[in-house]
């Protein structure tokens, strides 16, 4: 198999190949869409087997896997990542509060890349030259997709942590500004007035 660093001369999505890269991409995208059901089910099986996303139910994992798979294939097809980035942020907002960690998100994306790569190998293994050209088109895109999702998750997690820290700070000093230069600060406990002691008046 051709080494990964020889497969792409440019930092973009797809390298220049003997056949037009766009034609190879269309072919592999058509294959992934044709095999969508069985590949998605295999991916979910491996997620469960690896004990990833354990905070989510099986139905939730399957629903998210369906959306991620479709966004993944769309990114492969178009070479653009805006929709995938938006979905990754949306997914992160939902699963971070449930305790899902970064390594789990990276893990499921890498599992998907592996499932799809194995499927391409099974389809093209009789023609190693064509297999290499297909992987030339697939692997750089798959790597960039994995990075996009991971970075999006990490950024959303950091934002969530900052918001939580700010909320904690606000709760620790609950000062309300009524108007300019006038603040209200709640005080707990007994207020004892101090001052000169009064003595009974003499007549």
N, C-alpha and C. Protein backbone atom coordinates (compact mmCIF):
# COMPACT_ATOMS: atom_id res chain seq x y z
N UNK A 1 0.84 -1.19 0.00
CA UNK A 1 0.00 0.00 0.00
C UNK A 1 0.88 1.25 0.00
N UNK A 2 0.48 2.25 -0.73
CA UNK A 2 1.25 3.47 -0.81
C UNK A 2 1.26 4.15 0.54
N UNK A 3 2.40 4.70 0.95
CA UNK A 3 2.50 5.37 2.23
C UNK A 3 1.62 6.62 2.24
N UNK A 4 1.07 6.95 3.44
CA UNK A 4 0.12 8.06 3.55
C UNK A 4 0.74 9.38 3.11
N UNK A 5 2.04 9.59 3.43
CA UNK A 5 2.63 10.88 3.10
C UNK A 5 2.89 11.02 1.61
N UNK A 6 2.76 9.91 0.87
CA UNK A 6 2.93 9.99 -0.58
C UNK A 6 1.60 10.14 -1.27
N UNK A 7 0.52 10.11 -0.50
CA UNK A 7 -0.80 10.11 -1.10
C UNK A 7 -1.34 11.50 -1.32
N UNK A 8 -0.75 12.46 -0.71
CA UNK A 8 -1.28 13.82 -0.86
C UNK A 8 -0.13 14.82 -0.99
N UNK A 9 -0.15 15.54 -2.08
CA UNK A 9 0.86 16.57 -2.29
C UNK A 9 0.40 17.92 -1.80
N UNK A 10 -0.89 18.05 -1.51
CA UNK A 10 -1.45 19.31 -1.08
C UNK A 10 -2.13 19.12 0.26
N UNK A 11 -2.26 20.19 1.04
CA UNK A 11 -2.92 20.06 2.33
C UNK A 11 -4.44 20.00 2.23
N UNK A 12 -4.99 20.11 1.03
CA UNK A 12 -6.43 20.11 0.87
C UNK A 12 -7.04 18.73 1.00
N UNK A 13 -8.28 18.63 0.54
CA UNK A 13 -9.01 17.39 0.73
C UNK A 13 -8.44 16.23 -0.07
N UNK A 14 -8.30 16.39 -1.35
CA UNK A 14 -7.98 15.25 -2.20
C UNK A 14 -6.72 15.50 -3.02
N UNK A 15 -5.84 14.49 -3.15
CA UNK A 15 -4.62 14.65 -3.91
C UNK A 15 -4.87 14.48 -5.40
N UNK A 16 -3.87 14.84 -6.19
CA UNK A 16 -3.94 14.59 -7.62
C UNK A 16 -3.56 13.14 -7.89
N UNK A 17 -4.36 12.43 -8.69
CA UNK A 17 -4.11 11.02 -8.97
C UNK A 17 -4.17 10.81 -10.47
N UNK A 18 -3.83 9.57 -10.90
CA UNK A 18 -3.88 9.25 -12.32
C UNK A 18 -5.27 9.48 -12.86
N UNK A 19 -6.26 8.95 -12.15
CA UNK A 19 -7.64 9.24 -12.49
C UNK A 19 -8.04 10.52 -11.79
N UNK A 20 -9.03 11.23 -12.36
CA UNK A 20 -9.48 12.43 -11.67
C UNK A 20 -9.95 12.09 -10.26
N UNK A 21 -9.45 12.83 -9.28
CA UNK A 21 -9.81 12.55 -7.89
C UNK A 21 -11.32 12.64 -7.69
N UNK A 22 -11.95 13.59 -8.36
CA UNK A 22 -13.40 13.76 -8.20
C UNK A 22 -14.15 12.50 -8.61
N UNK A 23 -13.67 11.82 -9.65
CA UNK A 23 -14.32 10.58 -10.11
C UNK A 23 -14.19 9.49 -9.06
N UNK A 24 -13.01 9.38 -8.45
CA UNK A 24 -12.81 8.39 -7.40
C UNK A 24 -13.67 8.70 -6.18
N UNK A 25 -13.77 9.98 -5.84
CA UNK A 25 -14.58 10.38 -4.69
C UNK A 25 -16.04 10.02 -4.94
N UNK A 26 -16.53 10.31 -6.14
CA UNK A 26 -17.92 9.97 -6.47
C UNK A 26 -18.15 8.48 -6.35
N UNK A 27 -17.17 7.69 -6.77
CA UNK A 27 -17.32 6.24 -6.71
C UNK A 27 -17.35 5.74 -5.28
N UNK A 28 -16.44 6.24 -4.44
CA UNK A 28 -16.43 5.76 -3.05
C UNK A 28 -17.63 6.26 -2.27
N UNK A 29 -18.10 7.49 -2.56
CA UNK A 29 -19.29 8.01 -1.90
C UNK A 29 -20.51 7.17 -2.29
N UNK A 30 -20.61 6.81 -3.56
CA UNK A 30 -21.73 5.96 -4.00
C UNK A 30 -21.70 4.62 -3.28
N UNK A 31 -20.51 4.06 -3.09
CA UNK A 31 -20.37 2.79 -2.38
C UNK A 31 -20.81 2.94 -0.92
N UNK A 32 -20.37 4.01 -0.26
CA UNK A 32 -20.70 4.20 1.15
C UNK A 32 -22.19 4.46 1.34
N UNK A 33 -22.82 5.10 0.38
CA UNK A 33 -24.27 5.31 0.48
C UNK A 33 -25.03 4.01 0.20
N UNK A 34 -24.52 3.23 -0.74
CA UNK A 34 -25.17 1.95 -1.04
C UNK A 34 -25.11 1.01 0.17
N UNK A 35 -23.99 1.04 0.88
CA UNK A 35 -23.78 0.14 2.03
C UNK A 35 -24.12 0.83 3.36
N UNK A 36 -24.84 1.93 3.30
CA UNK A 36 -25.09 2.76 4.49
C UNK A 36 -25.64 1.96 5.67
N UNK A 37 -26.67 1.16 5.44
CA UNK A 37 -27.33 0.45 6.53
C UNK A 37 -26.39 -0.52 7.23
N UNK A 38 -25.72 -1.37 6.45
CA UNK A 38 -24.87 -2.39 7.08
C UNK A 38 -23.61 -1.77 7.70
N UNK A 39 -23.06 -0.73 7.08
CA UNK A 39 -21.87 -0.09 7.66
C UNK A 39 -22.21 0.66 8.93
N UNK A 40 -23.36 1.31 8.94
CA UNK A 40 -23.78 2.03 10.14
C UNK A 40 -24.03 1.03 11.29
N UNK A 41 -24.67 -0.08 10.99
CA UNK A 41 -24.92 -1.10 12.02
C UNK A 41 -23.62 -1.70 12.54
N UNK A 42 -22.66 -1.92 11.65
CA UNK A 42 -21.36 -2.44 12.08
C UNK A 42 -20.64 -1.43 12.95
N UNK A 43 -20.75 -0.17 12.60
CA UNK A 43 -20.12 0.89 13.40
C UNK A 43 -20.72 0.95 14.80
N UNK A 44 -22.05 0.92 14.88
CA UNK A 44 -22.72 0.95 16.19
C UNK A 44 -22.33 -0.27 17.01
N UNK A 45 -22.22 -1.43 16.37
CA UNK A 45 -21.82 -2.65 17.08
C UNK A 45 -20.44 -2.48 17.68
N UNK A 46 -19.53 -1.89 16.92
CA UNK A 46 -18.17 -1.71 17.42
C UNK A 46 -18.09 -0.62 18.50
N UNK A 47 -18.93 0.40 18.40
CA UNK A 47 -19.00 1.40 19.46
C UNK A 47 -19.41 0.74 20.77
N UNK A 48 -20.45 -0.09 20.70
CA UNK A 48 -20.93 -0.78 21.89
C UNK A 48 -19.88 -1.75 22.42
N UNK A 49 -19.23 -2.46 21.51
CA UNK A 49 -18.21 -3.43 21.89
C UNK A 49 -17.03 -2.74 22.58
N UNK A 50 -16.69 -1.55 22.13
CA UNK A 50 -15.57 -0.79 22.71
C UNK A 50 -16.00 -0.03 23.97
N UNK A 51 -17.27 -0.13 24.34
CA UNK A 51 -17.81 0.55 25.53
C UNK A 51 -17.58 2.06 25.47
N UNK A 52 -17.92 2.63 24.31
CA UNK A 52 -17.89 4.07 24.13
C UNK A 52 -19.32 4.61 24.21
N UNK A 53 -19.45 5.86 24.61
CA UNK A 53 -20.76 6.52 24.74
C UNK A 53 -21.69 5.74 25.67
N UNK A 54 -21.15 5.22 26.74
CA UNK A 54 -21.95 4.41 27.67
C UNK A 54 -23.01 5.25 28.40
N UNK A 55 -22.86 6.56 28.39
CA UNK A 55 -23.86 7.42 29.03
C UNK A 55 -25.13 7.55 28.20
N UNK A 56 -25.09 7.04 26.97
CA UNK A 56 -26.23 7.14 26.07
C UNK A 56 -26.89 5.79 25.90
N UNK A 57 -28.20 5.80 25.61
CA UNK A 57 -28.92 4.56 25.37
C UNK A 57 -28.58 4.03 23.97
N UNK A 58 -28.94 2.78 23.72
CA UNK A 58 -28.67 2.19 22.41
C UNK A 58 -29.39 2.95 21.31
N UNK A 59 -30.63 3.36 21.59
CA UNK A 59 -31.40 4.12 20.59
C UNK A 59 -30.75 5.47 20.30
N UNK A 60 -30.25 6.12 21.35
CA UNK A 60 -29.58 7.41 21.16
C UNK A 60 -28.30 7.26 20.36
N UNK A 61 -27.54 6.22 20.65
CA UNK A 61 -26.30 5.98 19.91
C UNK A 61 -26.62 5.75 18.44
N UNK A 62 -27.65 4.96 18.17
CA UNK A 62 -27.99 4.65 16.78
C UNK A 62 -28.44 5.91 16.04
N UNK A 63 -29.22 6.76 16.72
CA UNK A 63 -29.68 8.00 16.08
C UNK A 63 -28.50 8.93 15.79
N UNK A 64 -27.59 9.08 16.75
CA UNK A 64 -26.43 9.93 16.52
C UNK A 64 -25.52 9.34 15.45
N UNK A 65 -25.36 8.02 15.45
CA UNK A 65 -24.52 7.37 14.45
C UNK A 65 -25.06 7.62 13.04
N UNK A 66 -26.38 7.61 12.92
CA UNK A 66 -27.00 7.86 11.61
C UNK A 66 -26.66 9.27 11.13
N UNK A 67 -26.80 10.25 12.02
CA UNK A 67 -26.52 11.64 11.64
C UNK A 67 -25.04 11.84 11.33
N UNK A 68 -24.17 11.27 12.18
CA UNK A 68 -22.73 11.42 11.96
C UNK A 68 -22.33 10.77 10.64
N UNK A 69 -22.85 9.59 10.38
CA UNK A 69 -22.52 8.87 9.13
C UNK A 69 -22.89 9.73 7.92
N UNK A 70 -24.11 10.26 7.92
CA UNK A 70 -24.57 11.05 6.77
C UNK A 70 -23.74 12.32 6.61
N UNK A 71 -23.42 13.00 7.72
CA UNK A 71 -22.57 14.20 7.64
C UNK A 71 -21.16 13.85 7.18
N UNK A 72 -20.67 12.71 7.62
CA UNK A 72 -19.34 12.23 7.24
C UNK A 72 -19.27 12.02 5.73
N UNK A 73 -20.25 11.30 5.19
CA UNK A 73 -20.26 11.01 3.75
C UNK A 73 -20.45 12.29 2.95
N UNK A 74 -21.27 13.20 3.46
CA UNK A 74 -21.45 14.48 2.77
C UNK A 74 -20.15 15.27 2.71
N UNK A 75 -19.40 15.25 3.82
CA UNK A 75 -18.11 15.95 3.82
C UNK A 75 -17.14 15.31 2.83
N UNK A 76 -17.16 13.98 2.74
CA UNK A 76 -16.33 13.30 1.73
C UNK A 76 -16.72 13.74 0.32
N UNK A 77 -18.00 13.85 0.11
CA UNK A 77 -18.50 14.16 -1.24
C UNK A 77 -18.20 15.60 -1.63
N UNK A 78 -18.43 16.54 -0.73
CA UNK A 78 -18.32 17.96 -1.08
C UNK A 78 -16.94 18.54 -0.80
N UNK A 79 -16.19 17.91 0.11
CA UNK A 79 -14.90 18.47 0.47
C UNK A 79 -15.01 19.67 1.37
N UNK A 80 -16.20 19.95 1.88
CA UNK A 80 -16.40 21.08 2.79
C UNK A 80 -16.84 20.54 4.16
N UNK A 81 -16.60 21.36 5.20
CA UNK A 81 -16.78 20.85 6.55
C UNK A 81 -17.73 21.68 7.40
N UNK A 82 -18.36 22.69 6.81
CA UNK A 82 -19.21 23.57 7.61
C UNK A 82 -20.34 22.80 8.28
N UNK A 83 -21.05 21.96 7.51
CA UNK A 83 -22.17 21.21 8.08
C UNK A 83 -21.69 20.25 9.16
N UNK A 84 -20.54 19.61 8.91
CA UNK A 84 -19.99 18.68 9.90
C UNK A 84 -19.56 19.41 11.16
N UNK A 85 -18.95 20.58 11.02
CA UNK A 85 -18.54 21.37 12.18
C UNK A 85 -19.75 21.80 13.00
N UNK A 86 -20.81 22.23 12.31
CA UNK A 86 -22.03 22.65 13.01
C UNK A 86 -22.64 21.48 13.76
N UNK A 87 -22.66 20.32 13.11
CA UNK A 87 -23.22 19.15 13.78
C UNK A 87 -22.36 18.74 14.97
N UNK A 88 -21.04 18.80 14.82
CA UNK A 88 -20.15 18.43 15.91
C UNK A 88 -20.37 19.33 17.13
N UNK A 89 -20.56 20.63 16.89
CA UNK A 89 -20.84 21.54 17.99
C UNK A 89 -22.17 21.21 18.66
N UNK A 90 -23.18 20.95 17.83
CA UNK A 90 -24.50 20.62 18.35
C UNK A 90 -24.46 19.32 19.16
N UNK A 91 -23.75 18.33 18.63
CA UNK A 91 -23.60 17.06 19.34
C UNK A 91 -22.89 17.26 20.67
N UNK A 92 -21.84 18.07 20.65
CA UNK A 92 -21.07 18.32 21.87
C UNK A 92 -21.93 18.96 22.95
N UNK A 93 -22.78 19.91 22.55
CA UNK A 93 -23.66 20.57 23.52
C UNK A 93 -24.57 19.56 24.21
N UNK A 94 -24.96 18.52 23.49
CA UNK A 94 -25.89 17.53 24.05
C UNK A 94 -25.19 16.49 24.92
N UNK A 95 -23.99 16.11 24.55
CA UNK A 95 -23.38 14.97 25.24
C UNK A 95 -22.36 15.35 26.30
N UNK A 96 -21.81 16.56 26.24
CA UNK A 96 -20.84 16.97 27.27
C UNK A 96 -21.48 16.98 28.66
N UNK A 97 -22.70 17.53 28.83
CA UNK A 97 -23.30 17.50 30.16
C UNK A 97 -23.55 16.09 30.69
N UNK A 98 -23.51 15.10 29.81
CA UNK A 98 -23.76 13.72 30.23
C UNK A 98 -22.47 12.97 30.55
N UNK A 99 -21.36 13.70 30.54
CA UNK A 99 -20.11 13.11 30.97
C UNK A 99 -19.30 12.43 29.88
N UNK A 100 -19.65 12.65 28.61
CA UNK A 100 -18.89 12.06 27.52
C UNK A 100 -17.57 12.81 27.38
N UNK A 101 -16.47 12.08 27.32
CA UNK A 101 -15.13 12.67 27.28
C UNK A 101 -14.61 12.75 25.85
N UNK A 102 -13.55 13.54 25.67
CA UNK A 102 -12.98 13.76 24.34
C UNK A 102 -12.50 12.45 23.72
N UNK A 103 -11.87 11.58 24.52
CA UNK A 103 -11.33 10.34 23.95
C UNK A 103 -12.43 9.46 23.39
N UNK A 104 -13.64 9.54 23.95
CA UNK A 104 -14.75 8.75 23.42
C UNK A 104 -15.20 9.26 22.06
N UNK A 105 -15.26 10.58 21.92
CA UNK A 105 -15.66 11.17 20.64
C UNK A 105 -14.63 10.85 19.56
N UNK A 106 -13.36 11.04 19.88
CA UNK A 106 -12.30 10.70 18.93
C UNK A 106 -12.37 9.21 18.60
N UNK A 107 -12.63 8.40 19.62
CA UNK A 107 -12.70 6.95 19.41
C UNK A 107 -13.78 6.53 18.44
N UNK A 108 -14.97 7.13 18.54
CA UNK A 108 -16.04 6.70 17.64
C UNK A 108 -15.77 7.14 16.21
N UNK A 109 -15.15 8.32 16.04
CA UNK A 109 -14.84 8.78 14.69
C UNK A 109 -13.76 7.90 14.05
N UNK A 110 -12.76 7.52 14.83
CA UNK A 110 -11.71 6.63 14.31
C UNK A 110 -12.28 5.25 13.99
N UNK A 111 -13.24 4.80 14.79
CA UNK A 111 -13.89 3.52 14.49
C UNK A 111 -14.65 3.61 13.17
N UNK A 112 -15.33 4.73 12.93
CA UNK A 112 -16.05 4.89 11.66
C UNK A 112 -15.08 4.89 10.50
N UNK A 113 -13.97 5.59 10.63
CA UNK A 113 -12.97 5.61 9.57
C UNK A 113 -12.47 4.20 9.28
N UNK A 114 -12.29 3.42 10.33
CA UNK A 114 -11.80 2.05 10.16
C UNK A 114 -12.85 1.17 9.49
N UNK A 115 -14.11 1.31 9.91
CA UNK A 115 -15.19 0.52 9.30
C UNK A 115 -15.30 0.82 7.81
N UNK A 116 -15.26 2.10 7.46
CA UNK A 116 -15.37 2.48 6.05
C UNK A 116 -14.14 2.05 5.26
N UNK A 117 -12.97 2.20 5.87
CA UNK A 117 -11.75 1.77 5.18
C UNK A 117 -11.74 0.27 4.90
N UNK A 118 -12.21 -0.52 5.85
CA UNK A 118 -12.29 -1.97 5.65
C UNK A 118 -13.28 -2.32 4.54
N UNK A 119 -14.36 -1.56 4.48
CA UNK A 119 -15.35 -1.79 3.42
C UNK A 119 -14.76 -1.50 2.04
N UNK A 120 -13.99 -0.42 1.95
CA UNK A 120 -13.34 -0.09 0.67
C UNK A 120 -12.32 -1.15 0.30
N UNK A 121 -11.58 -1.64 1.29
CA UNK A 121 -10.61 -2.69 1.02
C UNK A 121 -11.30 -3.95 0.51
N UNK A 122 -12.43 -4.32 1.13
CA UNK A 122 -13.16 -5.51 0.70
C UNK A 122 -13.67 -5.36 -0.73
N UNK A 123 -14.05 -4.14 -1.12
CA UNK A 123 -14.58 -3.91 -2.46
C UNK A 123 -13.49 -3.93 -3.53
N UNK A 124 -12.31 -3.36 -3.19
CA UNK A 124 -11.29 -3.15 -4.22
C UNK A 124 -10.04 -4.02 -4.05
N UNK A 125 -10.06 -5.00 -3.16
CA UNK A 125 -8.82 -5.72 -2.87
C UNK A 125 -8.31 -6.54 -4.05
N UNK A 126 -9.18 -6.85 -5.01
CA UNK A 126 -8.73 -7.59 -6.20
C UNK A 126 -7.95 -6.73 -7.17
N UNK A 127 -8.04 -5.43 -7.03
CA UNK A 127 -7.31 -4.49 -7.89
C UNK A 127 -6.54 -3.54 -7.00
N UNK A 128 -5.30 -3.92 -6.65
CA UNK A 128 -4.53 -3.14 -5.69
C UNK A 128 -4.22 -1.74 -6.19
N UNK A 129 -4.03 -1.60 -7.50
CA UNK A 129 -3.75 -0.28 -8.04
C UNK A 129 -4.94 0.65 -7.83
N UNK A 130 -6.14 0.14 -8.13
CA UNK A 130 -7.34 0.95 -7.92
C UNK A 130 -7.58 1.18 -6.43
N UNK A 131 -7.32 0.16 -5.62
CA UNK A 131 -7.47 0.31 -4.18
C UNK A 131 -6.60 1.45 -3.65
N UNK A 132 -5.36 1.49 -4.08
CA UNK A 132 -4.46 2.57 -3.65
C UNK A 132 -4.97 3.94 -4.07
N UNK A 133 -5.51 4.02 -5.28
CA UNK A 133 -6.01 5.31 -5.75
C UNK A 133 -7.25 5.74 -4.96
N UNK A 134 -8.10 4.77 -4.63
CA UNK A 134 -9.28 5.08 -3.82
C UNK A 134 -8.86 5.56 -2.43
N UNK A 135 -7.88 4.86 -1.84
CA UNK A 135 -7.41 5.26 -0.53
C UNK A 135 -6.68 6.60 -0.58
N UNK A 136 -6.05 6.90 -1.72
CA UNK A 136 -5.44 8.22 -1.91
C UNK A 136 -6.49 9.32 -1.74
N UNK A 137 -7.71 9.04 -2.23
CA UNK A 137 -8.78 10.02 -2.13
C UNK A 137 -9.45 10.00 -0.76
N UNK A 138 -9.52 8.81 -0.15
CA UNK A 138 -10.28 8.66 1.09
C UNK A 138 -9.51 9.06 2.35
N UNK A 139 -8.28 8.60 2.48
CA UNK A 139 -7.59 8.74 3.77
C UNK A 139 -7.33 10.19 4.19
N UNK A 140 -6.86 11.07 3.30
CA UNK A 140 -6.67 12.47 3.74
C UNK A 140 -7.98 13.11 4.21
N UNK A 141 -9.06 12.80 3.50
CA UNK A 141 -10.36 13.34 3.89
C UNK A 141 -10.80 12.78 5.23
N UNK A 142 -10.63 11.48 5.43
CA UNK A 142 -11.03 10.84 6.69
C UNK A 142 -10.24 11.41 7.86
N UNK A 143 -8.95 11.64 7.65
CA UNK A 143 -8.13 12.21 8.72
C UNK A 143 -8.58 13.63 9.06
N UNK A 144 -8.89 14.41 8.05
CA UNK A 144 -9.30 15.79 8.31
C UNK A 144 -10.67 15.82 8.99
N UNK A 145 -11.54 14.90 8.63
CA UNK A 145 -12.86 14.83 9.28
C UNK A 145 -12.68 14.51 10.76
N UNK A 146 -11.81 13.54 11.06
CA UNK A 146 -11.57 13.17 12.46
C UNK A 146 -11.05 14.37 13.26
N UNK A 147 -10.13 15.12 12.65
CA UNK A 147 -9.57 16.30 13.33
C UNK A 147 -10.65 17.36 13.53
N UNK A 148 -11.48 17.56 12.50
CA UNK A 148 -12.55 18.56 12.59
C UNK A 148 -13.49 18.26 13.74
N UNK A 149 -13.92 17.00 13.86
CA UNK A 149 -14.85 16.63 14.92
C UNK A 149 -14.18 16.76 16.29
N UNK A 150 -12.94 16.29 16.40
CA UNK A 150 -12.23 16.33 17.68
C UNK A 150 -12.02 17.77 18.13
N UNK A 151 -11.58 18.64 17.22
CA UNK A 151 -11.34 20.04 17.57
C UNK A 151 -12.65 20.72 17.96
N UNK A 152 -13.72 20.44 17.22
CA UNK A 152 -15.01 21.02 17.55
C UNK A 152 -15.48 20.61 18.93
N UNK A 153 -15.27 19.34 19.28
CA UNK A 153 -15.66 18.86 20.60
C UNK A 153 -14.85 19.53 21.70
N UNK A 154 -13.53 19.60 21.50
CA UNK A 154 -12.66 20.20 22.51
C UNK A 154 -13.02 21.68 22.71
N UNK A 155 -13.26 22.40 21.63
CA UNK A 155 -13.63 23.82 21.74
C UNK A 155 -14.94 23.99 22.50
N UNK A 156 -15.91 23.13 22.21
CA UNK A 156 -17.19 23.21 22.90
C UNK A 156 -17.05 22.84 24.37
N UNK A 157 -16.21 21.86 24.65
CA UNK A 157 -15.98 21.46 26.04
C UNK A 157 -15.31 22.61 26.82
N UNK A 158 -14.33 23.27 26.21
CA UNK A 158 -13.67 24.39 26.88
C UNK A 158 -14.65 25.53 27.12
N UNK A 159 -15.53 25.78 26.15
CA UNK A 159 -16.54 26.83 26.32
C UNK A 159 -17.47 26.48 27.47
N UNK A 160 -17.89 25.22 27.54
CA UNK A 160 -18.78 24.78 28.62
C UNK A 160 -18.11 24.95 29.98
N UNK A 161 -16.84 24.58 30.07
CA UNK A 161 -16.10 24.71 31.32
C UNK A 161 -15.99 26.17 31.74
N UNK A 162 -15.70 27.06 30.77
CA UNK A 162 -15.61 28.48 31.09
C UNK A 162 -16.95 29.01 31.61
N UNK A 163 -18.04 28.60 30.98
CA UNK A 163 -19.36 29.04 31.42
C UNK A 163 -19.67 28.53 32.83
N UNK A 164 -19.31 27.28 33.10
CA UNK A 164 -19.54 26.73 34.44
C UNK A 164 -18.72 27.47 35.49
N UNK A 165 -17.47 27.77 35.17
CA UNK A 165 -16.63 28.50 36.12
C UNK A 165 -17.17 29.89 36.37
N UNK A 166 -17.65 30.55 35.33
CA UNK A 166 -18.22 31.88 35.49
C UNK A 166 -19.49 31.82 36.33
N UNK A 167 -20.31 30.79 36.12
CA UNK A 167 -21.54 30.64 36.91
C UNK A 167 -21.21 30.42 38.38
N UNK A 168 -20.17 29.64 38.65
CA UNK A 168 -19.76 29.39 40.03
C UNK A 168 -19.29 30.69 40.69
N UNK A 169 -18.52 31.48 39.95
CA UNK A 169 -18.06 32.76 40.49
C UNK A 169 -19.23 33.69 40.80
N UNK A 170 -20.22 33.69 39.91
CA UNK A 170 -21.38 34.55 40.13
C UNK A 170 -22.19 34.09 41.34
N UNK A 171 -22.31 32.79 41.52
CA UNK A 171 -23.05 32.27 42.66
C UNK A 171 -22.32 32.53 43.97
N UNK A 172 -20.99 32.57 43.93
CA UNK A 172 -20.23 32.77 45.15
C UNK A 172 -20.28 34.21 45.64
N UNK A 173 -20.55 35.16 44.75
CA UNK A 173 -20.67 36.57 45.13
C UNK A 173 -21.92 37.16 44.46
N UNK A 174 -23.09 36.86 45.01
CA UNK A 174 -24.34 37.31 44.37
C UNK A 174 -24.62 38.79 44.61
N UNK A 175 -23.98 39.64 43.85
CA UNK A 175 -24.16 41.09 43.97
C UNK A 175 -25.07 41.57 42.85
N UNK A 176 -26.11 42.31 43.21
CA UNK A 176 -27.05 42.83 42.22
C UNK A 176 -26.87 44.33 42.08
N UNK A 177 -26.74 44.79 40.86
CA UNK A 177 -26.61 46.22 40.63
C UNK A 177 -27.99 46.79 40.35
N UNK A 178 -28.46 47.65 41.26
CA UNK A 178 -29.79 48.25 41.11
C UNK A 178 -29.72 49.42 40.13
N UNK A 179 -28.76 50.27 40.34
CA UNK A 179 -28.50 51.38 39.40
C UNK A 179 -27.04 51.76 39.56
N UNK A 180 -26.62 52.74 38.81
CA UNK A 180 -25.22 53.14 38.84
C UNK A 180 -24.79 53.50 40.25
N UNK A 181 -23.73 52.88 40.71
CA UNK A 181 -23.10 53.12 42.02
C UNK A 181 -23.99 52.66 43.19
N UNK A 182 -25.00 51.78 42.89
CA UNK A 182 -25.82 51.23 43.96
C UNK A 182 -25.93 49.72 43.79
N UNK A 183 -25.37 48.97 44.71
CA UNK A 183 -25.38 47.52 44.67
C UNK A 183 -26.13 46.97 45.86
N UNK A 184 -26.73 45.80 45.66
CA UNK A 184 -27.38 45.08 46.76
C UNK A 184 -26.60 43.79 47.00
N UNK A 185 -26.20 43.56 48.23
CA UNK A 185 -25.44 42.37 48.60
C UNK A 185 -26.18 41.64 49.72
N UNK A 186 -26.69 40.44 49.45
CA UNK A 186 -27.38 39.70 50.51
C UNK A 186 -26.42 39.30 51.63
N UNK A 187 -26.87 39.42 52.87
CA UNK A 187 -26.06 39.08 54.04
C UNK A 187 -26.80 38.05 54.88
N UNK A 188 -26.11 36.99 55.26
CA UNK A 188 -26.69 35.95 56.10
C UNK A 188 -26.22 36.15 57.53
N UNK A 189 -27.11 35.89 58.50
CA UNK A 189 -26.73 35.96 59.90
C UNK A 189 -27.50 37.05 60.63
N UNK A 190 -27.08 37.29 61.87
CA UNK A 190 -27.75 38.27 62.73
C UNK A 190 -27.00 39.59 62.68
N UNK A 191 -27.71 40.66 62.49
CA UNK A 191 -27.10 41.99 62.47
C UNK A 191 -27.21 42.59 63.87
N UNK A 192 -26.10 42.93 64.45
CA UNK A 192 -26.06 43.53 65.79
C UNK A 192 -25.66 44.99 65.66
N UNK A 193 -26.55 45.86 66.10
CA UNK A 193 -26.24 47.29 66.02
C UNK A 193 -25.31 47.67 67.16
N UNK A 194 -24.27 48.38 66.86
CA UNK A 194 -23.34 48.85 67.90
C UNK A 194 -23.45 50.35 68.03
N UNK A 195 -23.26 50.86 69.24
CA UNK A 195 -23.36 52.29 69.47
C UNK A 195 -23.25 52.59 70.94
N UNK A 196 -23.31 53.84 71.33
CA UNK A 196 -23.20 54.18 72.76
C UNK A 196 -24.37 53.64 73.56
N UNK A 197 -24.04 53.06 74.68
CA UNK A 197 -25.08 52.50 75.52
C UNK A 197 -25.93 53.61 76.09
N UNK A 198 -27.22 53.39 76.15
CA UNK A 198 -28.11 54.39 76.70
C UNK A 198 -28.32 54.17 78.19
N UNK A 199 -28.39 55.24 78.92
CA UNK A 199 -28.60 55.14 80.38
C UNK A 199 -29.93 55.77 80.73
N UNK A 200 -30.54 55.24 81.76
CA UNK A 200 -31.84 55.82 82.14
C UNK A 200 -31.70 57.30 82.51
N UNK A 201 -32.59 58.09 82.05
CA UNK A 201 -32.51 59.53 82.35
C UNK A 201 -32.94 59.77 83.80
N UNK A 202 -32.25 60.70 84.39
CA UNK A 202 -32.59 61.03 85.79
C UNK A 202 -33.47 62.28 85.82
N UNK A 203 -34.40 62.29 86.70
CA UNK A 203 -35.29 63.43 86.78
C UNK A 203 -34.85 64.32 87.93
